[in-house]
Amino acid sequence: MFYVGIDGGGGSTRFAIINEDNEVIGQLTLEKGINYHLYGIESVYETIKEGINKLLEKVDVNLKDVKGIGASVSGVDSSRPKDVEIFKNIFSKIANFEKMAISNDAIGALWGATEDGNGIILINGTGSIIYGKNGDRIERFGGWGYLLDDEGGGYWIATEGVKKILHFRDGLIEKPSFYDEILKYFNIDDPSSFVYIYYQEFSKRRIAGAAKIVIDAASKGDKVAIEIIERGLRWCTKGIKLLAQRLDMIEKPTITYSGGLFKSQYYKTVFSNILFEAFEQFELIEPKHSAAVGAALMVLNESK
């Protein structure tokens, strides 16, 4: 028997299939999102059906041999019955699966990273969220969106960088080393044009993309950029410590990470160094699998 896992964000959806021995059989990605708040239920159904069919064709597995399906999806919370019911109905239209497991994308990423779903994960991409799990207990910190929270995430880092450029323009600080590159990235000649970027041509994803420039500047010693990166990661570490206390894991928590910002070795190193300041002992692990594999592991675990 086989288990399919789905990891869905706003812009793309990843599919994976594993067997009962936790072996990954195959994976694929569709450049279509499955956040039903954004795309609607019918569109989400069509995307999931397409992805499953293509995945099974790729690995030469029959749909009737898939025992369970798991999904970790942005915009979904297993504590909200409506979210769970919507995806159960979608899956039931595709096949009569024996087992289903539905969660938000952080839980799938945690399962993929740790293989047993226990630990604490920091997900820093465009936004930022922290989840922890210890047995049946699940805790969350942050992830309230770019207007209210997401400190340490890509949008936040980029916006803090933009603020520093405006501070320079107003004569408050010296010119940051990333000044020219940020303006070039946004295709503007003067910081005053940021009002158009943020108030008329707003794109959260586009703005978040500038975080890489700030991170690169920090890695080269820019003090302004270093302060931004460290401030964001210190906030995230406070959240990790709080969840470790809530979950009775404070003595030696297992900590992992996910998200595009962790492609930077510098960013990972700063994160590790700040963790050493916060914890006497901890285990920081590289993610073992993708969140799609994690979603499959999640439903396989529920089947045991």
C-alpha atoms as a PDB file:
ATOM      1  CA  MET A   1       0.000   0.000   0.000  1.00  0.00           C
ATOM      2  CA  PHE A   2       1.004   3.609  -0.616  1.00  0.00           C
ATOM      3  CA  TYR A   3       0.409   7.026   0.930  1.00  0.00           C
ATOM      4  CA  VAL A   4       0.211  10.342  -0.907  1.00  0.00           C
ATOM      5  CA  GLY A   5       1.214  13.627   0.671  1.00  0.00           C
ATOM      6  CA  ILE A   6       0.380  17.121  -0.556  1.00  0.00           C
ATOM      7  CA  ASP A   7       2.056  20.367   0.444  1.00  0.00           C
ATOM      8  CA  GLY A   8       0.135  23.345  -0.883  1.00  0.00           C
ATOM      9  CA  GLY A   9       0.963  27.022  -0.786  1.00  0.00           C
ATOM     10  CA  GLY A  10      -0.422  30.073  -2.482  1.00  0.00           C
ATOM     11  CA  GLY A  11       1.567  29.678  -5.687  1.00  0.00           C
ATOM     12  CA  SER A  12       2.529  26.025  -6.091  1.00  0.00           C
ATOM     13  CA  THR A  13       1.633  22.561  -4.842  1.00  0.00           C
ATOM     14  CA  ARG A  14       3.991  19.652  -4.213  1.00  0.00           C
ATOM     15  CA  PHE A  15       2.987  15.976  -4.244  1.00  0.00           C
ATOM     16  CA  ALA A  16       4.823  12.949  -2.864  1.00  0.00           C
ATOM     17  CA  ILE A  17       4.153   9.234  -2.509  1.00  0.00           C
ATOM     18  CA  ILE A  18       5.703   6.839   0.013  1.00  0.00           C
ATOM     19  CA  ASN A  19       5.284   3.156   0.811  1.00  0.00           C
ATOM     20  CA  GLU A  20       4.595   1.523   4.176  1.00  0.00           C
ATOM     21  CA  ASP A  21       8.341   1.395   4.896  1.00  0.00           C
ATOM     22  CA  ASN A  22       8.629   5.217   4.751  1.00  0.00           C
ATOM     23  CA  GLU A  23      10.463   4.994   1.418  1.00  0.00           C
ATOM     24  CA  VAL A  24       9.884   7.921  -0.934  1.00  0.00           C
ATOM     25  CA  ILE A  25       8.691   6.572  -4.289  1.00  0.00           C
ATOM     26  CA  GLY A  26       8.291   9.825  -6.174  1.00  0.00           C
ATOM     27  CA  GLN A  27       7.538  13.551  -6.047  1.00  0.00           C
ATOM     28  CA  LEU A  28       6.362  16.293  -8.386  1.00  0.00           C
ATOM     29  CA  THR A  29       5.323  19.956  -8.323  1.00  0.00           C
ATOM     30  CA  LEU A  30       2.494  21.832 -10.015  1.00  0.00           C
ATOM     31  CA  GLU A  31       2.784  25.598 -10.362  1.00  0.00           C
ATOM     32  CA  LYS A  32      -0.748  26.033  -9.064  1.00  0.00           C
ATOM     33  CA  GLY A  33      -1.866  26.876  -5.544  1.00  0.00           C
ATOM     34  CA  ILE A  34      -4.492  25.100  -3.419  1.00  0.00           C
ATOM     35  CA  ASN A  35      -5.331  27.760  -0.854  1.00  0.00           C
ATOM     36  CA  TYR A  36      -9.122  27.599  -1.234  1.00  0.00           C
ATOM     37  CA  HIS A  37      -9.505  31.092   0.233  1.00  0.00           C
ATOM     38  CA  LEU A  38      -7.629  32.393  -2.822  1.00  0.00           C
ATOM     39  CA  TYR A  39      -8.660  30.021  -5.612  1.00  0.00           C
ATOM     40  CA  GLY A  40     -11.998  28.526  -4.640  1.00  0.00           C
ATOM     41  CA  ILE A  41     -12.912  24.929  -3.871  1.00  0.00           C
ATOM     42  CA  GLU A  42     -13.509  23.752  -7.451  1.00  0.00           C
ATOM     43  CA  SER A  43     -10.110  25.005  -8.634  1.00  0.00           C
ATOM     44  CA  VAL A  44      -8.421  23.328  -5.659  1.00  0.00           C
ATOM     45  CA  TYR A  45     -10.171  20.040  -6.489  1.00  0.00           C
ATOM     46  CA  GLU A  46      -8.995  20.163 -10.111  1.00  0.00           C
ATOM     47  CA  THR A  47      -5.403  20.932  -9.081  1.00  0.00           C
ATOM     48  CA  ILE A  48      -5.272  18.116  -6.530  1.00  0.00           C
ATOM     49  CA  LYS A  49      -6.826  15.638  -8.953  1.00  0.00           C
ATOM     50  CA  GLU A  50      -4.351  16.614 -11.668  1.00  0.00           C
ATOM     51  CA  GLY A  51      -1.379  16.349  -9.321  1.00  0.00           C
ATOM     52  CA  ILE A  52      -2.359  12.945  -7.963  1.00  0.00           C
ATOM     53  CA  ASN A  53      -2.994  11.539 -11.445  1.00  0.00           C
ATOM     54  CA  LYS A  54       0.352  12.805 -12.762  1.00  0.00           C
ATOM     55  CA  LEU A  55       2.221  11.537  -9.704  1.00  0.00           C
ATOM     56  CA  LEU A  56       0.714   8.042  -9.898  1.00  0.00           C
ATOM     57  CA  GLU A  57       1.379   7.875 -13.635  1.00  0.00           C
ATOM     58  CA  LYS A  58       4.987   8.913 -13.020  1.00  0.00           C
ATOM     59  CA  VAL A  59       5.629   6.131 -10.476  1.00  0.00           C
ATOM     60  CA  ASP A  60       3.296   3.557 -12.102  1.00  0.00           C
ATOM     61  CA  VAL A  61       1.027   3.114  -9.069  1.00  0.00           C
ATOM     62  CA  ASN A  62      -2.715   2.445  -9.297  1.00  0.00           C
ATOM     63  CA  LEU A  63      -5.039   4.770  -7.385  1.00  0.00           C
ATOM     64  CA  LYS A  64      -6.740   1.790  -5.704  1.00  0.00           C
ATOM     65  CA  ASP A  65      -3.388   0.946  -4.067  1.00  0.00           C
ATOM     66  CA  VAL A  66      -3.228   4.329  -2.290  1.00  0.00           C
ATOM     67  CA  LYS A  67      -4.466   3.702   1.247  1.00  0.00           C
ATOM     68  CA  GLY A  68      -4.190   7.193   2.651  1.00  0.00           C
ATOM     69  CA  ILE A  69      -3.776  10.824   1.688  1.00  0.00           C
ATOM     70  CA  GLY A  70      -2.396  13.654   3.777  1.00  0.00           C
ATOM     71  CA  ALA A  71      -2.388  17.368   3.053  1.00  0.00           C
ATOM     72  CA  SER A  72      -0.588  20.258   4.702  1.00  0.00           C
ATOM     73  CA  VAL A  73      -1.990  23.425   3.193  1.00  0.00           C
ATOM     74  CA  SER A  74      -1.550  27.137   3.747  1.00  0.00           C
ATOM     75  CA  GLY A  75      -4.765  28.779   4.879  1.00  0.00           C
ATOM     76  CA  VAL A  76      -5.929  25.571   6.592  1.00  0.00           C
ATOM     77  CA  ASP A  77      -6.091  24.831  10.303  1.00  0.00           C
ATOM     78  CA  SER A  78      -7.038  21.406  11.637  1.00  0.00           C
ATOM     79  CA  SER A  79      -8.765  23.139  14.579  1.00  0.00           C
ATOM     80  CA  ARG A  80     -11.278  24.682  12.147  1.00  0.00           C
ATOM     81  CA  PRO A  81     -13.817  21.947  11.201  1.00  0.00           C
ATOM     82  CA  LYS A  82     -14.812  23.722   7.982  1.00  0.00           C
ATOM     83  CA  ASP A  83     -11.250  23.547   6.606  1.00  0.00           C
ATOM     84  CA  VAL A  84     -10.964  19.828   7.347  1.00  0.00           C
ATOM     85  CA  GLU A  85     -14.400  19.074   5.893  1.00  0.00           C
ATOM     86  CA  ILE A  86     -13.641  20.904   2.626  1.00  0.00           C
ATOM     87  CA  PHE A  87     -10.514  18.831   1.956  1.00  0.00           C
ATOM     88  CA  LYS A  88     -12.138  15.571   3.053  1.00  0.00           C
ATOM     89  CA  ASN A  89     -14.892  16.223   0.527  1.00  0.00           C
ATOM     90  CA  ILE A  90     -12.335  16.958  -2.196  1.00  0.00           C
ATOM     91  CA  PHE A  91     -10.420  13.753  -1.455  1.00  0.00           C
ATOM     92  CA  SER A  92     -13.647  11.708  -1.339  1.00  0.00           C
ATOM     93  CA  LYS A  93     -14.513  12.871  -4.860  1.00  0.00           C
ATOM     94  CA  ILE A  94     -11.153  11.515  -6.108  1.00  0.00           C
ATOM     95  CA  ALA A  95     -11.111   8.108  -4.396  1.00  0.00           C
ATOM     96  CA  ASN A  96     -12.363   6.173  -1.386  1.00  0.00           C
ATOM     97  CA  PHE A  97      -9.230   6.613   0.737  1.00  0.00           C
ATOM     98  CA  GLU A  98      -9.147   4.644   3.997  1.00  0.00           C
ATOM     99  CA  LYS A  99      -7.226   7.356   5.843  1.00  0.00           C
ATOM    100  CA  MET A 100      -7.058  11.136   5.536  1.00  0.00           C
ATOM    101  CA  ALA A 101      -5.032  13.703   7.476  1.00  0.00           C
ATOM    102  CA  ILE A 102      -5.343  17.463   6.989  1.00  0.00           C
ATOM    103  CA  SER A 103      -3.278  20.191   8.608  1.00  0.00           C
ATOM    104  CA  ASN A 104      -1.681  23.516   7.856  1.00  0.00           C
ATOM    105  CA  ASP A 105       1.591  23.628   5.953  1.00  0.00           C
ATOM    106  CA  ALA A 106       3.734  24.000   9.088  1.00  0.00           C
ATOM    107  CA  ILE A 107       2.737  20.600  10.481  1.00  0.00           C
ATOM    108  CA  GLY A 108       3.595  18.851   7.213  1.00  0.00           C
ATOM    109  CA  ALA A 109       6.962  20.582   7.175  1.00  0.00           C
ATOM    110  CA  LEU A 110       7.596  19.439  10.763  1.00  0.00           C
ATOM    111  CA  TRP A 111       6.747  15.830   9.893  1.00  0.00           C
ATOM    112  CA  GLY A 112       9.024  15.980   6.862  1.00  0.00           C
ATOM    113  CA  ALA A 113      11.881  17.517   8.809  1.00  0.00           C
ATOM    114  CA  THR A 114      11.791  15.135  11.789  1.00  0.00           C
ATOM    115  CA  GLU A 115      10.052  11.994  10.380  1.00  0.00           C
ATOM    116  CA  ASP A 116       8.099  11.547  13.650  1.00  0.00           C
ATOM    117  CA  GLY A 117       6.393  14.943  13.774  1.00  0.00           C
ATOM    118  CA  ASN A 118       7.811  15.886  17.183  1.00  0.00           C
ATOM    119  CA  GLY A 119       9.870  19.011  17.710  1.00  0.00           C
ATOM    120  CA  ILE A 120       9.725  22.708  16.918  1.00  0.00           C
ATOM    121  CA  ILE A 121       9.961  24.181  13.424  1.00  0.00           C
ATOM    122  CA  LEU A 122      10.653  27.751  12.373  1.00  0.00           C
ATOM    123  CA  ILE A 123       9.354  28.493   8.889  1.00  0.00           C
ATOM    124  CA  ASN A 124      10.786  31.708   7.483  1.00  0.00           C
ATOM    125  CA  GLY A 125       9.971  32.459   3.877  1.00  0.00           C
ATOM    126  CA  THR A 126       7.877  35.423   2.812  1.00  0.00           C
ATOM    127  CA  GLY A 127       6.362  35.330   6.290  1.00  0.00           C
ATOM    128  CA  SER A 128       7.288  33.662   9.565  1.00  0.00           C
ATOM    129  CA  ILE A 129       5.578  31.088  11.770  1.00  0.00           C
ATOM    130  CA  ILE A 130       6.670  28.636  14.463  1.00  0.00           C
ATOM    131  CA  TYR A 131       4.971  25.349  15.288  1.00  0.00           C
ATOM    132  CA  GLY A 132       5.762  22.780  17.930  1.00  0.00           C
ATOM    133  CA  LYS A 133       4.465  19.272  18.521  1.00  0.00           C
ATOM    134  CA  ASN A 134       5.030  16.821  21.344  1.00  0.00           C
ATOM    135  CA  GLY A 135       2.827  13.765  21.003  1.00  0.00           C
ATOM    136  CA  ASP A 136      -0.766  14.959  20.713  1.00  0.00           C
ATOM    137  CA  ARG A 137       0.065  18.467  21.911  1.00  0.00           C
ATOM    138  CA  ILE A 138       0.498  21.184  19.276  1.00  0.00           C
ATOM    139  CA  GLU A 139       1.446  24.815  19.890  1.00  0.00           C
ATOM    140  CA  ARG A 140       1.831  27.804  17.578  1.00  0.00           C
ATOM    141  CA  PHE A 141       3.681  31.112  17.768  1.00  0.00           C
ATOM    142  CA  GLY A 142       3.244  33.972  15.295  1.00  0.00           C
ATOM    143  CA  GLY A 143       2.252  33.705  11.676  1.00  0.00           C
ATOM    144  CA  TRP A 144      -0.376  36.422  11.900  1.00  0.00           C
ATOM    145  CA  GLY A 145       0.443  37.967   8.547  1.00  0.00           C
ATOM    146  CA  TYR A 146       2.615  40.761   7.203  1.00  0.00           C
ATOM    147  CA  LEU A 147       0.485  43.572   8.653  1.00  0.00           C
ATOM    148  CA  LEU A 148       0.445  42.218  12.195  1.00  0.00           C
ATOM    149  CA  ASP A 149       3.475  40.001  12.653  1.00  0.00           C
ATOM    150  CA  ASP A 150       5.899  37.849  10.606  1.00  0.00           C
ATOM    151  CA  GLU A 151       9.003  39.298  12.259  1.00  0.00           C
ATOM    152  CA  GLY A 152      12.097  37.602  10.860  1.00  0.00           C
ATOM    153  CA  GLY A 153      10.398  36.653   7.586  1.00  0.00           C
ATOM    154  CA  GLY A 154      11.315  37.871   4.120  1.00  0.00           C
ATOM    155  CA  TYR A 155       8.749  40.660   3.850  1.00  0.00           C
ATOM    156  CA  TRP A 156       9.690  41.950   7.301  1.00  0.00           C
ATOM    157  CA  ILE A 157      13.440  41.888   6.563  1.00  0.00           C
ATOM    158  CA  ALA A 158      13.012  43.676   3.247  1.00  0.00           C
ATOM    159  CA  THR A 159      10.724  46.307   4.770  1.00  0.00           C
ATOM    160  CA  GLU A 160      13.140  46.919   7.643  1.00  0.00           C
ATOM    161  CA  GLY A 161      15.835  47.434   5.005  1.00  0.00           C
ATOM    162  CA  VAL A 162      13.630  49.916   3.157  1.00  0.00           C
ATOM    163  CA  LYS A 163      12.994  51.774   6.423  1.00  0.00           C
ATOM    164  CA  LYS A 164      16.745  52.094   6.959  1.00  0.00           C
ATOM    165  CA  ILE A 165      17.144  53.535   3.467  1.00  0.00           C
ATOM    166  CA  LEU A 166      14.466  56.107   4.291  1.00  0.00           C
ATOM    167  CA  HIS A 167      16.231  56.831   7.584  1.00  0.00           C
ATOM    168  CA  PHE A 168      19.375  57.563   5.579  1.00  0.00           C
ATOM    169  CA  ARG A 169      17.457  59.859   3.258  1.00  0.00           C
ATOM    170  CA  ASP A 170      16.137  61.744   6.289  1.00  0.00           C
ATOM    171  CA  GLY A 171      19.671  62.091   7.682  1.00  0.00           C
ATOM    172  CA  LEU A 172      19.282  59.758  10.655  1.00  0.00           C
ATOM    173  CA  ILE A 173      21.909  57.140   9.764  1.00  0.00           C
ATOM    174  CA  GLU A 174      24.829  56.602   7.414  1.00  0.00           C
ATOM    175  CA  LYS A 175      24.184  55.139   3.989  1.00  0.00           C
ATOM    176  CA  PRO A 176      23.636  51.346   4.193  1.00  0.00           C
ATOM    177  CA  SER A 177      25.766  49.281   1.840  1.00  0.00           C
ATOM    178  CA  PHE A 178      22.625  47.755   0.334  1.00  0.00           C
ATOM    179  CA  TYR A 179      21.159  51.149  -0.674  1.00  0.00           C
ATOM    180  CA  ASP A 180      21.983  51.004  -4.387  1.00  0.00           C
ATOM    181  CA  GLU A 181      21.109  47.346  -4.829  1.00  0.00           C
ATOM    182  CA  ILE A 182      17.711  47.722  -3.163  1.00  0.00           C
ATOM    183  CA  LEU A 183      16.823  50.687  -5.374  1.00  0.00           C
ATOM    184  CA  LYS A 184      17.982  48.763  -8.435  1.00  0.00           C
ATOM    185  CA  TYR A 185      15.894  45.751  -7.405  1.00  0.00           C
ATOM    186  CA  PHE A 186      12.757  47.894  -7.262  1.00  0.00           C
ATOM    187  CA  ASN A 187      13.760  49.797 -10.417  1.00  0.00           C
ATOM    188  CA  ILE A 188      13.593  53.215  -8.745  1.00  0.00           C
ATOM    189  CA  ASP A 189      16.036  56.137  -8.662  1.00  0.00           C
ATOM    190  CA  ASP A 190      15.109  57.756  -5.359  1.00  0.00           C
ATOM    191  CA  PRO A 191      13.840  56.425  -1.993  1.00  0.00           C
ATOM    192  CA  SER A 192      10.787  58.679  -2.251  1.00  0.00           C
ATOM    193  CA  SER A 193       9.458  56.243  -4.871  1.00  0.00           C
ATOM    194  CA  PHE A 194       8.964  53.585  -2.204  1.00  0.00           C
ATOM    195  CA  VAL A 195       5.554  55.145  -1.576  1.00  0.00           C
ATOM    196  CA  TYR A 196       4.505  53.817  -4.999  1.00  0.00           C
ATOM    197  CA  ILE A 197       5.976  50.361  -4.294  1.00  0.00           C
ATOM    198  CA  TYR A 198       4.072  50.047  -1.028  1.00  0.00           C
ATOM    199  CA  TYR A 199       0.868  51.962  -1.705  1.00  0.00           C
ATOM    200  CA  GLN A 200       0.138  51.718  -5.435  1.00  0.00           C
ATOM    201  CA  GLU A 201       2.058  48.755  -6.896  1.00  0.00           C
ATOM    202  CA  PHE A 202       2.025  46.576  -3.811  1.00  0.00           C
ATOM    203  CA  SER A 203       3.200  42.973  -4.112  1.00  0.00           C
ATOM    204  CA  LYS A 204       4.082  41.170  -0.897  1.00  0.00           C
ATOM    205  CA  ARG A 205       6.083  38.531  -2.747  1.00  0.00           C
ATOM    206  CA  ARG A 206       8.034  41.110  -4.762  1.00  0.00           C
ATOM    207  CA  ILE A 207       8.917  43.078  -1.633  1.00  0.00           C
ATOM    208  CA  ALA A 208       9.932  39.913   0.234  1.00  0.00           C
ATOM    209  CA  GLY A 209      12.328  39.077  -2.596  1.00  0.00           C
ATOM    210  CA  ALA A 210      14.516  41.992  -1.514  1.00  0.00           C
ATOM    211  CA  ALA A 211      15.272  40.209   1.768  1.00  0.00           C
ATOM    212  CA  LYS A 212      18.092  38.335   0.033  1.00  0.00           C
ATOM    213  CA  ILE A 213      19.861  41.657  -0.590  1.00  0.00           C
ATOM    214  CA  VAL A 214      19.720  42.549   3.105  1.00  0.00           C
ATOM    215  CA  ILE A 215      20.894  39.070   4.139  1.00  0.00           C
ATOM    216  CA  ASP A 216      23.805  39.216   1.671  1.00  0.00           C
ATOM    217  CA  ALA A 217      24.787  42.648   2.993  1.00  0.00           C
ATOM    218  CA  ALA A 218      24.756  41.305   6.556  1.00  0.00           C
ATOM    219  CA  SER A 219      26.959  38.379   5.535  1.00  0.00           C
ATOM    220  CA  LYS A 220      29.496  40.923   4.240  1.00  0.00           C
ATOM    221  CA  GLY A 221      29.554  42.862   7.501  1.00  0.00           C
ATOM    222  CA  ASP A 222      27.024  45.679   7.024  1.00  0.00           C
ATOM    223  CA  LYS A 223      26.117  46.640  10.609  1.00  0.00           C
ATOM    224  CA  VAL A 224      22.668  47.932   9.714  1.00  0.00           C
ATOM    225  CA  ALA A 225      21.795  44.684   7.928  1.00  0.00           C
ATOM    226  CA  ILE A 226      23.291  42.555  10.713  1.00  0.00           C
ATOM    227  CA  GLU A 227      21.102  44.310  13.271  1.00  0.00           C
ATOM    228  CA  ILE A 228      17.987  43.601  11.190  1.00  0.00           C
ATOM    229  CA  ILE A 229      18.769  39.899  10.743  1.00  0.00           C
ATOM    230  CA  GLU A 230      19.722  39.360  14.377  1.00  0.00           C
ATOM    231  CA  ARG A 231      16.691  41.254  15.692  1.00  0.00           C
ATOM    232  CA  GLY A 232      14.337  39.148  13.594  1.00  0.00           C
ATOM    233  CA  LEU A 233      15.946  35.842  14.573  1.00  0.00           C
ATOM    234  CA  ARG A 234      16.073  36.794  18.255  1.00  0.00           C
ATOM    235  CA  TRP A 235      12.321  37.347  18.106  1.00  0.00           C
ATOM    236  CA  CYS A 236      11.857  33.953  16.445  1.00  0.00           C
ATOM    237  CA  THR A 237      14.043  32.317  19.089  1.00  0.00           C
ATOM    238  CA  LYS A 238      11.865  33.819  21.838  1.00  0.00           C
ATOM    239  CA  GLY A 239       8.934  32.084  20.198  1.00  0.00           C
ATOM    240  CA  ILE A 240      10.807  28.789  19.963  1.00  0.00           C
ATOM    241  CA  LYS A 241      11.724  28.959  23.654  1.00  0.00           C
ATOM    242  CA  LEU A 242       8.152  29.766  24.618  1.00  0.00           C
ATOM    243  CA  LEU A 243       6.849  26.736  22.694  1.00  0.00           C
ATOM    244  CA  ALA A 244       9.545  24.527  24.220  1.00  0.00           C
ATOM    245  CA  GLN A 245       8.306  25.545  27.662  1.00  0.00           C
ATOM    246  CA  ARG A 246       4.646  24.988  26.775  1.00  0.00           C
ATOM    247  CA  LEU A 247       5.405  21.552  25.323  1.00  0.00           C
ATOM    248  CA  ASP A 248       7.677  20.423  28.189  1.00  0.00           C
ATOM    249  CA  MET A 249      10.660  20.194  25.832  1.00  0.00           C
ATOM    250  CA  ILE A 250      12.792  22.925  27.388  1.00  0.00           C
ATOM    251  CA  GLU A 251      15.637  20.658  28.567  1.00  0.00           C
ATOM    252  CA  LYS A 252      16.706  19.590  25.072  1.00  0.00           C
ATOM    253  CA  PRO A 253      14.265  20.529  22.317  1.00  0.00           C
ATOM    254  CA  THR A 254      14.572  19.220  18.782  1.00  0.00           C
ATOM    255  CA  ILE A 255      14.558  22.274  16.519  1.00  0.00           C
ATOM    256  CA  THR A 256      14.395  22.409  12.746  1.00  0.00           C
ATOM    257  CA  TYR A 257      13.602  24.934  10.038  1.00  0.00           C
ATOM    258  CA  SER A 258      12.102  25.456   6.619  1.00  0.00           C
ATOM    259  CA  GLY A 259      11.508  28.276   4.143  1.00  0.00           C
ATOM    260  CA  GLY A 260      13.475  30.107   1.498  1.00  0.00           C
ATOM    261  CA  LEU A 261      15.516  32.304   3.842  1.00  0.00           C
ATOM    262  CA  PHE A 262      17.347  29.236   5.117  1.00  0.00           C
ATOM    263  CA  LYS A 263      18.952  28.780   1.722  1.00  0.00           C
ATOM    264  CA  SER A 264      21.470  31.309   3.047  1.00  0.00           C
ATOM    265  CA  GLN A 265      24.249  29.633   5.033  1.00  0.00           C
ATOM    266  CA  TYR A 266      24.842  32.934   6.811  1.00  0.00           C
ATOM    267  CA  TYR A 267      21.204  33.076   7.917  1.00  0.00           C
ATOM    268  CA  LYS A 268      21.389  29.497   9.234  1.00  0.00           C
ATOM    269  CA  THR A 269      24.607  30.258  11.113  1.00  0.00           C
ATOM    270  CA  VAL A 270      23.154  33.338  12.810  1.00  0.00           C
ATOM    271  CA  PHE A 271      20.083  31.312  13.774  1.00  0.00           C
ATOM    272  CA  SER A 272      22.251  28.575  15.297  1.00  0.00           C
ATOM    273  CA  ASN A 273      24.366  31.084  17.236  1.00  0.00           C
ATOM    274  CA  ILE A 274      21.293  32.754  18.733  1.00  0.00           C
ATOM    275  CA  LEU A 275      19.888  29.365  19.730  1.00  0.00           C
ATOM    276  CA  PHE A 276      23.106  28.697  21.661  1.00  0.00           C
ATOM    277  CA  GLU A 277      22.434  31.888  23.631  1.00  0.00           C
ATOM    278  CA  ALA A 278      18.872  30.817  24.453  1.00  0.00           C
ATOM    279  CA  PHE A 279      19.241  27.105  25.285  1.00  0.00           C
ATOM    280  CA  GLU A 280      21.718  25.165  27.372  1.00  0.00           C
ATOM    281  CA  GLN A 281      21.063  22.117  25.199  1.00  0.00           C
ATOM    282  CA  PHE A 282      19.179  21.612  21.949  1.00  0.00           C
ATOM    283  CA  GLU A 283      19.317  19.526  18.781  1.00  0.00           C
ATOM    284  CA  LEU A 284      19.233  21.510  15.545  1.00  0.00           C
ATOM    285  CA  ILE A 285      18.522  19.194  12.620  1.00  0.00           C
ATOM    286  CA  GLU A 286      18.547  19.678   8.878  1.00  0.00           C
ATOM    287  CA  PRO A 287      15.132  18.867   7.393  1.00  0.00           C
ATOM    288  CA  LYS A 288      15.156  15.217   6.310  1.00  0.00           C
ATOM    289  CA  HIS A 289      12.325  15.424   3.776  1.00  0.00           C
ATOM    290  CA  SER A 290      10.050  17.875   2.019  1.00  0.00           C
ATOM    291  CA  ALA A 291       6.745  18.965   3.525  1.00  0.00           C
ATOM    292  CA  ALA A 292       4.929  16.865   0.901  1.00  0.00           C
ATOM    293  CA  VAL A 293       6.714  13.747   2.159  1.00  0.00           C
ATOM    294  CA  GLY A 294       5.889  14.986   5.656  1.00  0.00           C
ATOM    295  CA  ALA A 295       2.183  15.057   4.804  1.00  0.00           C
ATOM    296  CA  ALA A 296       2.438  11.452   3.613  1.00  0.00           C
ATOM    297  CA  LEU A 297       4.251  10.453   6.815  1.00  0.00           C
ATOM    298  CA  MET A 298       1.533  12.205   8.786  1.00  0.00           C
ATOM    299  CA  VAL A 299      -1.251  10.086   7.321  1.00  0.00           C
ATOM    300  CA  LEU A 300       0.858   6.907   7.439  1.00  0.00           C
ATOM    301  CA  ASN A 301       1.369   7.494  11.169  1.00  0.00           C
ATOM    302  CA  GLU A 302      -2.380   7.889  11.671  1.00  0.00           C
ATOM    303  CA  SER A 303      -2.851   4.549   9.926  1.00  0.00           C
ATOM    304  CA  LYS A 304      -0.757   2.644  12.462  1.00  0.00           C
END
